[in-house]
């Protein structure tokens, strides 16, 4: 990809800045000749570490019109000890696509602030999904929309895999179109990862288990990640129509997806009723405490309800509960 004069100047300045930040001792240079006029590495030291010629690297810092390959950029990133954000910036300045994370992020990688924000979306169904479409976290509204979700094996808690579950087919009156969009969206988003074992294994399992998926996959269709509308035949709410929006989370390879009513604003109240019913059941079955729906065990602090008080009685808001340390 061709880059502008301004990009070349920015690239030169960025390389020079990061070179001056690296202490020679940090990269194993203990004995150096002559007096250092500037902090950090010399150009010839960095060039040697990155595996390029001193002249060529000097041209880079002079913003000359030269082409930089991904292999060279990776070498420079390693030599300069750049983190993920800095490496991505380096690649973009050079007009190249940044290297992508090879391992799908897990729930442990999601910052607590995002998990709290996810809870605040209730009663609207919402969940956090990674680049491989694994559902990492979800709220009570999501379980109200998909009543069977928590009964799924962990390896099947994936929105692409879920689309081919028999219960999902019953809930999607436009299943053929929805399944086509799901497969096309996955192919478009994971194009650079399909050879990775974590992705390839899932695709091969879906193809073996569901002939319909293999047929859709072999069409090579692509779909953009844009807000859309989906129709559901819900076991309690009947035929409903929900739009959904996607918000990419900063600092983690994950996306927050939130469903919301399109035409019937009363759906919010109906989802609230389902969520409150779920909370009532969970409170009574757990002796007055309930953890987050996506946690397998209740961690440090958990919501507790005072003895003898039904949190869903008139005038009592179910989320306004006393919090006590888990070791109390």
Protein backbone atom coordinates (compact mmCIF):
# COMPACT_ATOMS: atom_id res chain seq x y z
CA UNK A 1 0.00 0.00 0.00
CA UNK A 2 1.40 3.42 -1.00
CA UNK A 3 1.98 5.84 1.85
CA UNK A 4 2.02 9.62 1.89
CA UNK A 5 4.93 11.96 2.53
CA UNK A 6 3.45 12.78 5.92
CA UNK A 7 3.28 9.08 6.82
CA UNK A 8 6.95 8.65 5.92
CA UNK A 9 7.85 11.58 8.17
CA UNK A 10 5.73 10.16 10.98
CA UNK A 11 7.35 6.74 10.52
CA UNK A 12 10.85 8.26 10.62
CA UNK A 13 10.04 10.25 13.77
CA UNK A 14 8.46 7.22 15.47
CA UNK A 15 11.46 4.97 14.75
CA UNK A 16 13.89 7.60 15.96
CA UNK A 17 11.86 8.20 19.13
CA UNK A 18 11.60 4.52 20.03
CA UNK A 19 15.27 3.86 19.18
CA UNK A 20 16.31 6.53 21.66
CA UNK A 21 14.18 4.91 24.36
CA UNK A 22 15.92 1.52 24.24
CA UNK A 23 18.87 1.21 26.60
CA UNK A 24 21.80 -0.72 25.07
CA UNK A 25 21.96 -2.93 28.17
CA UNK A 26 18.30 -3.96 27.64
CA UNK A 27 19.19 -5.65 24.34
CA UNK A 28 22.45 -7.21 25.50
CA UNK A 29 24.91 -4.51 24.37
CA UNK A 30 27.37 -4.16 27.26
CA UNK A 31 30.49 -2.78 25.62
CA UNK A 32 30.18 0.06 23.16
CA UNK A 33 32.84 2.15 21.48
CA UNK A 34 33.06 5.92 21.62
CA UNK A 35 30.92 8.45 23.44
CA UNK A 36 27.16 8.31 22.86
CA UNK A 37 25.78 11.64 21.68
CA UNK A 38 22.15 10.62 22.21
CA UNK A 39 20.41 8.22 24.58
CA UNK A 40 19.35 4.79 23.45
CA UNK A 41 20.66 2.71 20.58
CA UNK A 42 22.81 3.86 17.70
CA UNK A 43 21.42 3.37 14.21
CA UNK A 44 24.00 0.71 13.39
CA UNK A 45 23.12 -1.20 16.59
CA UNK A 46 19.42 -1.23 15.81
CA UNK A 47 20.06 -2.17 12.17
CA UNK A 48 22.13 -5.15 13.28
CA UNK A 49 19.48 -6.28 15.77
CA UNK A 50 16.74 -5.96 13.13
CA UNK A 51 18.75 -7.69 10.41
CA UNK A 52 18.89 -4.79 7.93
CA UNK A 53 21.72 -2.68 6.53
CA UNK A 54 22.70 0.54 8.28
CA UNK A 55 22.28 2.52 5.06
CA UNK A 56 18.78 1.19 4.47
CA UNK A 57 17.70 1.90 8.06
CA UNK A 58 19.19 5.40 7.85
CA UNK A 59 17.05 6.04 4.78
CA UNK A 60 14.00 5.02 6.83
CA UNK A 61 14.79 7.63 9.49
CA UNK A 62 15.34 10.16 6.71
CA UNK A 63 11.81 9.50 5.37
CA UNK A 64 13.15 8.33 1.99
CA UNK A 65 10.79 6.73 -0.57
CA UNK A 66 11.55 3.08 0.16
CA UNK A 67 9.29 0.06 0.56
CA UNK A 68 9.21 -1.69 3.95
CA UNK A 69 8.10 -5.34 4.12
CA UNK A 70 6.16 -6.96 6.97
CA UNK A 71 9.20 -9.13 7.72
CA UNK A 72 11.40 -6.06 8.24
CA UNK A 73 8.75 -4.33 10.32
CA UNK A 74 8.50 -7.40 12.57
CA UNK A 75 12.29 -7.32 12.98
CA UNK A 76 12.23 -3.64 13.90
CA UNK A 77 9.36 -4.18 16.35
CA UNK A 78 11.29 -6.96 18.12
CA UNK A 79 14.53 -4.98 18.22
CA UNK A 80 12.74 -1.91 19.58
CA UNK A 81 10.80 -4.04 22.09
CA UNK A 82 7.48 -2.57 20.97
CA UNK A 83 4.23 -3.64 22.59
CA UNK A 84 1.10 -4.64 20.65
CA UNK A 85 -0.21 -1.08 20.32
CA UNK A 86 3.15 0.31 19.21
CA UNK A 87 3.66 -2.53 16.72
CA UNK A 88 0.26 -1.89 15.17
CA UNK A 89 1.09 1.82 14.88
CA UNK A 90 4.42 1.02 13.22
CA UNK A 91 2.76 -1.22 10.64
CA UNK A 92 0.02 1.30 9.84
CA UNK A 93 2.53 4.12 9.37
CA UNK A 94 4.37 1.89 6.88
CA UNK A 95 1.12 1.12 5.01
CA UNK A 96 0.95 -2.53 6.13
CA UNK A 97 -1.73 -4.49 7.98
CA UNK A 98 -0.73 -4.99 11.64
CA UNK A 99 -0.05 -8.57 12.74
CA UNK A 100 -3.08 -10.09 14.42
CA UNK A 101 -3.37 -11.95 17.70
CA UNK A 102 -3.10 -15.66 16.91
CA UNK A 103 -4.91 -16.97 20.01
CA UNK A 104 -8.57 -16.00 20.62
CA UNK A 105 -8.90 -13.98 23.80
CA UNK A 106 -10.59 -15.62 26.79
CA UNK A 107 -12.94 -14.32 29.45
CA UNK A 108 -10.02 -13.65 31.80
CA UNK A 109 -8.73 -11.03 29.35
CA UNK A 110 -11.90 -8.89 29.59
CA UNK A 111 -11.40 -5.94 31.98
CA UNK A 112 -13.77 -5.70 34.93
CA UNK A 113 -15.11 -2.34 33.74
CA UNK A 114 -16.54 -3.99 30.63
CA UNK A 115 -18.16 -6.76 32.67
CA UNK A 116 -19.83 -4.17 34.89
CA UNK A 117 -21.01 -2.23 31.83
CA UNK A 118 -22.40 -5.48 30.42
CA UNK A 119 -24.50 -5.99 33.56
CA UNK A 120 -25.89 -2.48 33.25
CA UNK A 121 -27.44 -3.38 29.89
CA UNK A 122 -30.06 -5.54 31.63
CA UNK A 123 -32.83 -6.20 30.83
CA UNK A 124 -31.65 -5.79 27.23
CA UNK A 125 -29.93 -8.99 26.04
CA UNK A 126 -26.20 -8.36 25.74
CA UNK A 127 -23.00 -10.37 25.53
CA UNK A 128 -19.27 -10.05 24.87
CA UNK A 129 -17.79 -12.13 22.07
CA UNK A 130 -14.22 -12.62 20.86
CA UNK A 131 -12.81 -12.73 17.32
CA UNK A 132 -13.71 -16.43 17.02
CA UNK A 133 -17.32 -15.72 18.07
CA UNK A 134 -16.89 -17.41 21.47
CA UNK A 135 -19.31 -15.92 24.01
CA UNK A 136 -17.05 -14.74 26.83
CA UNK A 137 -19.61 -13.03 29.09
CA UNK A 138 -23.33 -12.39 29.09
CA UNK A 139 -26.05 -10.78 31.17
CA UNK A 140 -29.40 -11.98 32.50
CA UNK A 141 -31.21 -10.54 29.48
CA UNK A 142 -29.15 -12.72 27.14
CA UNK A 143 -30.20 -15.84 29.06
CA UNK A 144 -33.81 -14.64 28.92
CA UNK A 145 -33.55 -14.36 25.12
CA UNK A 146 -31.80 -17.74 24.75
CA UNK A 147 -33.20 -19.89 27.59
CA UNK A 148 -31.11 -22.90 26.55
CA UNK A 149 -27.77 -21.05 26.52
CA UNK A 150 -26.51 -21.98 29.99
CA UNK A 151 -27.24 -25.67 29.31
CA UNK A 152 -24.75 -25.68 26.42
CA UNK A 153 -21.31 -27.22 26.79
CA UNK A 154 -18.62 -24.56 27.05
CA UNK A 155 -17.19 -25.48 23.65
CA UNK A 156 -20.61 -24.80 22.08
CA UNK A 157 -21.07 -21.36 23.60
CA UNK A 158 -20.16 -19.75 20.33
CA UNK A 159 -22.60 -17.72 18.23
CA UNK A 160 -21.66 -19.47 14.97
CA UNK A 161 -21.98 -22.92 16.55
CA UNK A 162 -25.22 -21.89 18.27
CA UNK A 163 -26.78 -20.90 14.95
CA UNK A 164 -26.74 -24.58 13.90
CA UNK A 165 -28.21 -25.88 17.17
CA UNK A 166 -31.69 -27.38 16.73
CA UNK A 167 -33.11 -25.04 19.37
CA UNK A 168 -31.74 -22.04 17.51
CA UNK A 169 -33.39 -23.22 14.31
CA UNK A 170 -36.72 -23.28 16.14
CA UNK A 171 -36.16 -19.70 17.34
CA UNK A 172 -35.13 -18.25 13.96
CA UNK A 173 -38.07 -18.06 11.52
CA UNK A 174 -35.59 -16.79 8.90
CA UNK A 175 -32.99 -19.39 9.80
CA UNK A 176 -31.59 -19.94 6.31
CA UNK A 177 -30.84 -16.24 5.85
CA UNK A 178 -29.56 -15.81 9.42
CA UNK A 179 -27.27 -18.83 9.10
CA UNK A 180 -25.93 -17.57 5.78
CA UNK A 181 -25.16 -14.16 7.31
CA UNK A 182 -23.47 -15.76 10.34
CA UNK A 183 -21.17 -17.90 8.18
CA UNK A 184 -20.40 -15.00 5.82
CA UNK A 185 -19.65 -12.65 8.72
CA UNK A 186 -17.32 -15.18 10.33
CA UNK A 187 -15.44 -15.72 7.07
CA UNK A 188 -15.02 -11.97 6.57
CA UNK A 189 -13.80 -11.30 10.11
CA UNK A 190 -11.58 -14.36 10.55
CA UNK A 191 -10.02 -14.47 7.07
CA UNK A 192 -6.50 -13.99 8.45
CA UNK A 193 -6.98 -16.65 11.14
CA UNK A 194 -8.61 -19.58 9.33
CA UNK A 195 -5.37 -21.60 9.25
CA UNK A 196 -4.95 -21.26 13.02
CA UNK A 197 -5.78 -24.56 14.78
CA UNK A 198 -8.32 -22.91 17.12
CA UNK A 199 -10.31 -21.70 14.12
CA UNK A 200 -9.71 -24.58 11.70
CA UNK A 201 -10.78 -27.19 14.25
CA UNK A 202 -14.10 -25.46 14.87
CA UNK A 203 -14.83 -25.05 11.16
CA UNK A 204 -14.02 -28.70 10.42
CA UNK A 205 -16.24 -29.85 13.29
CA UNK A 206 -19.15 -27.74 12.02
CA UNK A 207 -18.72 -29.05 8.47
CA UNK A 208 -18.69 -32.64 9.71
CA UNK A 209 -21.71 -32.20 11.99
CA UNK A 210 -23.89 -29.99 9.81
CA UNK A 211 -24.02 -30.51 6.01
CA UNK A 212 -25.90 -27.19 5.74
CA UNK A 213 -22.90 -25.37 7.20
CA UNK A 214 -20.52 -26.99 4.73
CA UNK A 215 -22.76 -25.87 1.87
CA UNK A 216 -22.90 -22.29 3.18
CA UNK A 217 -19.16 -22.23 3.91
CA UNK A 218 -18.24 -23.35 0.41
CA UNK A 219 -20.19 -20.45 -1.08
CA UNK A 220 -17.35 -18.15 0.10
CA UNK A 221 -19.85 -15.37 0.88
CA UNK A 222 -18.75 -12.37 2.93
CA UNK A 223 -20.81 -10.03 5.11
CA UNK A 224 -19.91 -6.70 6.78
CA UNK A 225 -20.13 -6.21 10.53
CA UNK A 226 -22.92 -3.63 10.68
CA UNK A 227 -26.00 -3.03 12.88
CA UNK A 228 -28.82 -5.31 11.80
CA UNK A 229 -32.27 -6.66 12.73
CA UNK A 230 -33.13 -10.25 13.60
CA UNK A 231 -36.50 -11.96 14.06
CA UNK A 232 -37.08 -14.55 16.81
CA UNK A 233 -39.83 -16.99 17.74
CA UNK A 234 -39.34 -16.83 21.50
CA UNK A 235 -40.87 -19.63 23.64
CA UNK A 236 -42.40 -17.05 26.02
CA UNK A 237 -42.54 -13.76 24.14
CA UNK A 238 -43.69 -15.17 20.79
CA UNK A 239 -42.60 -13.54 17.51
CA UNK A 240 -40.34 -10.59 18.31
CA UNK A 241 -38.02 -8.37 16.29
CA UNK A 242 -34.75 -7.12 17.76
CA UNK A 243 -32.07 -4.91 16.34
CA UNK A 244 -28.51 -5.28 17.52
CA UNK A 245 -25.47 -3.06 17.67
CA UNK A 246 -21.82 -4.01 18.09
CA UNK A 247 -19.27 -2.02 20.05
CA UNK A 248 -15.60 -2.96 19.67
CA UNK A 249 -13.88 -2.94 23.07
CA UNK A 250 -10.63 -1.03 23.44
CA UNK A 251 -7.61 -2.89 24.76
CA UNK A 252 -9.01 -6.38 24.19
CA UNK A 253 -9.86 -8.41 21.08
CA UNK A 254 -13.57 -8.55 21.87
CA UNK A 255 -16.91 -6.96 20.96
CA UNK A 256 -19.98 -6.05 23.01
CA UNK A 257 -23.26 -6.92 21.27
CA UNK A 258 -26.55 -5.49 22.55
CA UNK A 259 -30.06 -6.41 21.32
CA UNK A 260 -32.81 -3.81 21.50
CA UNK A 261 -36.49 -3.62 20.47
CA UNK A 262 -37.14 -2.25 16.99
CA UNK A 263 -40.85 -1.47 16.87
CA UNK A 264 -42.40 -2.65 20.16
CA UNK A 265 -41.09 -0.58 23.08
CA UNK A 266 -43.11 -2.76 25.46
CA UNK A 267 -40.58 -5.51 24.84
CA UNK A 268 -38.23 -3.87 27.33
CA UNK A 269 -40.78 -4.35 30.11
CA UNK A 270 -41.42 -7.93 28.99
CA UNK A 271 -37.69 -8.68 29.08
CA UNK A 272 -37.52 -7.04 32.49
CA UNK A 273 -40.21 -9.44 33.72
CA UNK A 274 -38.23 -12.42 32.43
CA UNK A 275 -34.99 -11.16 34.00
CA UNK A 276 -36.67 -10.57 37.36
CA UNK A 277 -38.20 -14.04 37.23
CA UNK A 278 -34.74 -15.52 36.60
CA UNK A 279 -33.28 -13.58 39.51
CA UNK A 280 -36.08 -14.76 41.82
CA UNK A 281 -35.40 -18.39 40.92
CA UNK A 282 -31.64 -18.00 41.33
CA UNK A 283 -31.99 -16.25 44.69
CA UNK A 284 -34.29 -18.89 46.10
CA UNK A 285 -32.22 -21.79 44.79
CA UNK A 286 -28.94 -20.31 46.07
CA UNK A 287 -30.12 -19.36 49.54
CA UNK A 288 -30.27 -15.62 48.97
CA UNK A 289 -27.20 -15.00 46.84
CA UNK A 290 -26.62 -14.78 43.10
CA UNK A 291 -23.43 -14.33 41.13
CA UNK A 292 -23.02 -12.94 37.67
CA UNK A 293 -24.70 -15.19 35.10
CA UNK A 294 -21.45 -15.81 33.21
CA UNK A 295 -19.38 -16.81 36.24
CA UNK A 296 -18.92 -20.45 37.10
CA UNK A 297 -18.41 -19.65 40.77
CA UNK A 298 -19.15 -16.65 42.91
CA UNK A 299 -15.96 -14.58 43.41
CA UNK A 300 -14.86 -12.01 45.96
CA UNK A 301 -18.04 -10.07 46.48
CA UNK A 302 -21.52 -11.29 45.71
CA UNK A 303 -24.97 -9.76 46.01
CA UNK A 304 -26.73 -10.92 49.17
CA UNK A 305 -30.26 -10.29 50.27
CA UNK A 306 -31.16 -9.62 53.92
CA UNK A 307 -32.93 -12.53 55.63
CA UNK A 308 -36.68 -12.63 55.17
CA UNK A 309 -36.79 -10.10 52.33
CA UNK A 310 -38.03 -11.00 48.84
CA UNK A 311 -36.08 -8.69 46.46
CA UNK A 312 -38.88 -8.82 43.92
CA UNK A 313 -41.66 -7.68 46.21
CA UNK A 314 -43.32 -4.40 45.32
CA UNK A 315 -41.03 -1.44 45.87
CA UNK A 316 -37.82 -3.46 46.12
CA UNK A 317 -35.36 -3.22 43.22
CA UNK A 318 -33.61 -6.58 42.71
CA UNK A 319 -30.17 -5.09 42.06
CA UNK A 320 -30.14 -2.91 45.17
CA UNK A 321 -28.81 -5.63 47.43
CA UNK A 322 -26.26 -5.63 50.17
CA UNK A 323 -22.73 -6.51 49.07
CA UNK A 324 -20.51 -8.40 51.48
CA UNK A 325 -16.99 -9.84 51.03
CA UNK A 326 -16.95 -13.42 49.85
CA UNK A 327 -14.97 -14.47 52.93
CA UNK A 328 -17.32 -12.79 55.41
